[in-house]
Amino acid sequence: MAGSAHGHTPAAWTGVTITFIGFCIAGVSMVAVNPLGFWAGMAVTLLGGVVGLAMKAAGLGMPKQQAIRVQAAASAAKPVPAEATAS
């Protein structure tokens, strides 16, 4: 994962942070038996995904060409299973 640069963008960090906060709100509200707080947390969780996608569309995510190169490099670095080489 370290070589793939997966998620190292402002869009990814912001989306995940907002989603995590929403998850925490929903979790605390479940324990406190607060249905309104739970649904508010779920709304914040969904908002995190929307914000992340909007930031990616605004150019703060990983560019498509870089993503394709990273995926190609990651698949090339995977070891070939022994079953595939023995015929």
N, C-alpha and C. Protein backbone atom coordinates (compact mmCIF):
# COMPACT_ATOMS: atom_id res chain seq x y z
N MET A 1 0.81 -1.19 0.00
CA MET A 1 0.00 0.00 0.00
C MET A 1 0.86 1.26 0.00
N ALA A 2 2.01 1.23 0.62
CA ALA A 2 2.81 2.44 0.71
C ALA A 2 3.29 2.89 -0.67
N GLY A 3 3.53 1.96 -1.56
CA GLY A 3 4.02 2.31 -2.89
C GLY A 3 2.92 2.76 -3.83
N SER A 4 1.66 2.58 -3.45
CA SER A 4 0.58 2.90 -4.38
C SER A 4 0.07 4.33 -4.24
N ALA A 5 0.46 5.06 -3.21
CA ALA A 5 -0.02 6.43 -2.97
C ALA A 5 -1.53 6.47 -2.90
N HIS A 6 -2.12 5.43 -2.38
CA HIS A 6 -3.57 5.32 -2.30
C HIS A 6 -4.11 6.26 -1.22
N GLY A 7 -4.89 7.24 -1.63
CA GLY A 7 -5.55 8.11 -0.67
C GLY A 7 -4.74 9.25 -0.12
N HIS A 8 -3.58 9.53 -0.68
CA HIS A 8 -2.75 10.61 -0.17
C HIS A 8 -3.07 11.91 -0.90
N THR A 9 -4.34 12.32 -0.83
CA THR A 9 -4.77 13.56 -1.48
C THR A 9 -5.65 14.34 -0.50
N PRO A 10 -5.75 15.65 -0.69
CA PRO A 10 -6.63 16.43 0.18
C PRO A 10 -8.08 15.96 0.12
N ALA A 11 -8.54 15.54 -1.06
CA ALA A 11 -9.92 15.07 -1.19
C ALA A 11 -10.15 13.81 -0.35
N ALA A 12 -9.22 12.89 -0.39
CA ALA A 12 -9.37 11.64 0.37
C ALA A 12 -9.31 11.91 1.87
N TRP A 13 -8.34 12.70 2.31
CA TRP A 13 -8.21 12.98 3.74
C TRP A 13 -9.44 13.70 4.28
N THR A 14 -9.94 14.68 3.54
CA THR A 14 -11.11 15.44 4.00
C THR A 14 -12.35 14.56 4.04
N GLY A 15 -12.57 13.79 2.99
CA GLY A 15 -13.74 12.91 2.95
C GLY A 15 -13.73 11.88 4.07
N VAL A 16 -12.59 11.29 4.32
CA VAL A 16 -12.48 10.28 5.38
C VAL A 16 -12.64 10.91 6.76
N THR A 17 -12.08 12.09 6.95
CA THR A 17 -12.20 12.76 8.25
C THR A 17 -13.65 13.11 8.56
N ILE A 18 -14.36 13.67 7.60
CA ILE A 18 -15.77 14.01 7.81
C ILE A 18 -16.59 12.75 8.04
N THR A 19 -16.32 11.70 7.28
CA THR A 19 -17.04 10.44 7.45
C THR A 19 -16.78 9.85 8.83
N PHE A 20 -15.55 9.91 9.30
CA PHE A 20 -15.21 9.39 10.62
C PHE A 20 -15.94 10.16 11.72
N ILE A 21 -16.01 11.48 11.58
CA ILE A 21 -16.73 12.29 12.56
C ILE A 21 -18.22 11.90 12.58
N GLY A 22 -18.80 11.72 11.41
CA GLY A 22 -20.19 11.29 11.33
C GLY A 22 -20.41 9.92 11.96
N PHE A 23 -19.46 9.01 11.74
CA PHE A 23 -19.54 7.68 12.34
C PHE A 23 -19.49 7.78 13.86
N CYS A 24 -18.62 8.65 14.38
CA CYS A 24 -18.53 8.84 15.84
C CYS A 24 -19.82 9.42 16.40
N ILE A 25 -20.41 10.40 15.72
CA ILE A 25 -21.67 10.99 16.17
C ILE A 25 -22.76 9.92 16.20
N ALA A 26 -22.85 9.13 15.15
CA ALA A 26 -23.87 8.07 15.09
C ALA A 26 -23.63 7.02 16.18
N GLY A 27 -22.38 6.67 16.42
CA GLY A 27 -22.08 5.67 17.45
C GLY A 27 -22.43 6.13 18.85
N VAL A 28 -22.07 7.36 19.17
CA VAL A 28 -22.40 7.92 20.49
C VAL A 28 -23.91 8.03 20.63
N SER A 29 -24.58 8.42 19.58
CA SER A 29 -26.05 8.56 19.63
C SER A 29 -26.73 7.22 19.81
N MET A 30 -26.16 6.16 19.25
CA MET A 30 -26.74 4.82 19.46
C MET A 30 -26.64 4.43 20.92
N VAL A 31 -25.51 4.68 21.54
CA VAL A 31 -25.31 4.33 22.94
C VAL A 31 -26.22 5.19 23.83
N ALA A 32 -26.41 6.45 23.45
CA ALA A 32 -27.24 7.36 24.23
C ALA A 32 -28.73 7.21 23.91
N VAL A 33 -29.07 6.28 23.04
CA VAL A 33 -30.44 6.04 22.60
C VAL A 33 -31.08 7.35 22.12
N ASN A 34 -30.42 7.95 21.13
CA ASN A 34 -30.87 9.21 20.56
C ASN A 34 -31.04 9.01 19.05
N PRO A 35 -32.24 8.63 18.61
CA PRO A 35 -32.44 8.37 17.17
C PRO A 35 -32.15 9.58 16.29
N LEU A 36 -32.52 10.77 16.74
CA LEU A 36 -32.27 11.96 15.94
C LEU A 36 -30.76 12.18 15.77
N GLY A 37 -30.00 11.99 16.82
CA GLY A 37 -28.54 12.13 16.74
C GLY A 37 -27.92 11.07 15.84
N PHE A 38 -28.48 9.86 15.88
CA PHE A 38 -27.98 8.79 15.01
C PHE A 38 -28.14 9.18 13.54
N TRP A 39 -29.34 9.65 13.19
CA TRP A 39 -29.59 10.01 11.79
C TRP A 39 -28.80 11.25 11.38
N ALA A 40 -28.57 12.14 12.33
CA ALA A 40 -27.70 13.29 12.04
C ALA A 40 -26.27 12.80 11.74
N GLY A 41 -25.79 11.83 12.51
CA GLY A 41 -24.47 11.25 12.26
C GLY A 41 -24.40 10.55 10.92
N MET A 42 -25.49 9.87 10.55
CA MET A 42 -25.51 9.20 9.24
C MET A 42 -25.48 10.24 8.12
N ALA A 43 -26.17 11.37 8.33
CA ALA A 43 -26.15 12.44 7.32
C ALA A 43 -24.75 13.02 7.18
N VAL A 44 -24.06 13.20 8.29
CA VAL A 44 -22.67 13.71 8.24
C VAL A 44 -21.78 12.68 7.54
N THR A 45 -22.01 11.41 7.79
CA THR A 45 -21.24 10.36 7.13
C THR A 45 -21.41 10.42 5.61
N LEU A 46 -22.64 10.56 5.15
CA LEU A 46 -22.88 10.68 3.72
C LEU A 46 -22.30 11.98 3.16
N LEU A 47 -22.35 13.04 3.96
CA LEU A 47 -21.79 14.32 3.54
C LEU A 47 -20.28 14.18 3.29
N GLY A 48 -19.61 13.36 4.08
CA GLY A 48 -18.18 13.14 3.87
C GLY A 48 -17.88 12.57 2.49
N GLY A 49 -18.70 11.63 2.05
CA GLY A 49 -18.52 11.08 0.71
C GLY A 49 -18.78 12.11 -0.38
N VAL A 50 -19.80 12.91 -0.19
CA VAL A 50 -20.14 13.94 -1.17
C VAL A 50 -19.02 14.99 -1.24
N VAL A 51 -18.52 15.40 -0.08
CA VAL A 51 -17.44 16.40 -0.05
C VAL A 51 -16.18 15.84 -0.71
N GLY A 52 -15.85 14.58 -0.43
CA GLY A 52 -14.69 13.96 -1.05
C GLY A 52 -14.80 13.91 -2.57
N LEU A 53 -15.98 13.53 -3.07
CA LEU A 53 -16.17 13.48 -4.52
C LEU A 53 -16.15 14.87 -5.14
N ALA A 54 -16.73 15.85 -4.44
CA ALA A 54 -16.71 17.22 -4.95
C ALA A 54 -15.28 17.75 -5.02
N MET A 55 -14.49 17.46 -4.00
CA MET A 55 -13.10 17.92 -4.00
C MET A 55 -12.30 17.22 -5.10
N LYS A 56 -12.60 15.95 -5.33
CA LYS A 56 -11.92 15.23 -6.41
C LYS A 56 -12.28 15.85 -7.76
N ALA A 57 -13.57 16.19 -7.93
CA ALA A 57 -14.00 16.83 -9.17
C ALA A 57 -13.37 18.20 -9.34
N ALA A 58 -13.05 18.86 -8.23
CA ALA A 58 -12.42 20.18 -8.28
C ALA A 58 -10.91 20.08 -8.54
N GLY A 59 -10.39 18.87 -8.64
CA GLY A 59 -8.98 18.70 -8.96
C GLY A 59 -8.08 18.44 -7.77
N LEU A 60 -8.67 18.18 -6.60
CA LEU A 60 -7.85 17.93 -5.41
C LEU A 60 -7.64 16.44 -5.13
N GLY A 61 -8.08 15.60 -6.05
CA GLY A 61 -7.87 14.15 -5.91
C GLY A 61 -6.70 13.72 -6.77
N MET A 62 -6.51 12.41 -6.87
CA MET A 62 -5.42 11.87 -7.67
C MET A 62 -5.78 11.97 -9.16
N PRO A 63 -4.91 12.53 -10.00
CA PRO A 63 -5.20 12.61 -11.43
C PRO A 63 -5.34 11.21 -12.03
N LYS A 64 -6.17 11.08 -13.05
CA LYS A 64 -6.44 9.77 -13.64
C LYS A 64 -5.18 9.10 -14.19
N GLN A 65 -4.33 9.83 -14.89
CA GLN A 65 -3.12 9.24 -15.45
C GLN A 65 -2.21 8.70 -14.37
N GLN A 66 -2.07 9.44 -13.28
CA GLN A 66 -1.22 8.97 -12.18
C GLN A 66 -1.84 7.73 -11.54
N ALA A 67 -3.16 7.69 -11.40
CA ALA A 67 -3.82 6.53 -10.82
C ALA A 67 -3.60 5.29 -11.68
N ILE A 68 -3.65 5.45 -12.98
CA ILE A 68 -3.44 4.31 -13.89
C ILE A 68 -2.01 3.81 -13.77
N ARG A 69 -1.04 4.75 -13.72
CA ARG A 69 0.36 4.34 -13.58
C ARG A 69 0.62 3.63 -12.25
N VAL A 70 0.01 4.12 -11.19
CA VAL A 70 0.19 3.52 -9.86
C VAL A 70 -0.39 2.12 -9.84
N GLN A 71 -1.57 1.93 -10.43
CA GLN A 71 -2.18 0.61 -10.47
C GLN A 71 -1.34 -0.35 -11.30
N ALA A 72 -0.79 0.12 -12.42
CA ALA A 72 0.04 -0.74 -13.26
C ALA A 72 1.32 -1.14 -12.51
N ALA A 73 1.91 -0.21 -11.80
CA ALA A 73 3.13 -0.51 -11.05
C ALA A 73 2.84 -1.48 -9.91
N ALA A 74 1.69 -1.32 -9.26
CA ALA A 74 1.34 -2.22 -8.16
C ALA A 74 1.08 -3.63 -8.67
N SER A 75 0.42 -3.77 -9.81
CA SER A 75 0.14 -5.11 -10.33
C SER A 75 1.42 -5.76 -10.87
N ALA A 76 2.37 -4.96 -11.37
CA ALA A 76 3.63 -5.51 -11.86
C ALA A 76 4.51 -5.98 -10.72
N ALA A 77 4.35 -5.41 -9.55
CA ALA A 77 5.20 -5.75 -8.41
C ALA A 77 4.70 -6.97 -7.65
N LYS A 78 3.49 -7.45 -7.96
CA LYS A 78 2.95 -8.61 -7.25
C LYS A 78 3.70 -9.87 -7.66
N PRO A 79 4.04 -10.73 -6.69
CA PRO A 79 4.73 -11.98 -7.04
C PRO A 79 3.78 -12.95 -7.75
N VAL A 80 4.33 -13.72 -8.64
CA VAL A 80 3.55 -14.70 -9.38
C VAL A 80 3.43 -15.96 -8.53
N PRO A 81 2.21 -16.51 -8.34
CA PRO A 81 2.07 -17.72 -7.54
C PRO A 81 2.80 -18.90 -8.18
N ALA A 82 3.26 -19.82 -7.35
CA ALA A 82 4.00 -20.99 -7.83
C ALA A 82 3.16 -21.84 -8.76
N GLU A 83 1.84 -21.91 -8.50
CA GLU A 83 0.97 -22.72 -9.35
C GLU A 83 0.93 -22.19 -10.78
N ALA A 84 1.06 -20.89 -10.94
CA ALA A 84 0.97 -20.28 -12.27
C ALA A 84 2.24 -20.56 -13.09
N THR A 85 3.38 -20.74 -12.43
CA THR A 85 4.63 -20.96 -13.16
C THR A 85 4.87 -22.43 -13.45
N ALA A 86 4.30 -23.34 -12.65
CA ALA A 86 4.50 -24.78 -12.86
C ALA A 86 3.43 -25.30 -13.81
N SER A 87 3.86 -25.75 -15.00
CA SER A 87 2.88 -26.28 -15.96
C SER A 87 3.12 -27.73 -16.22
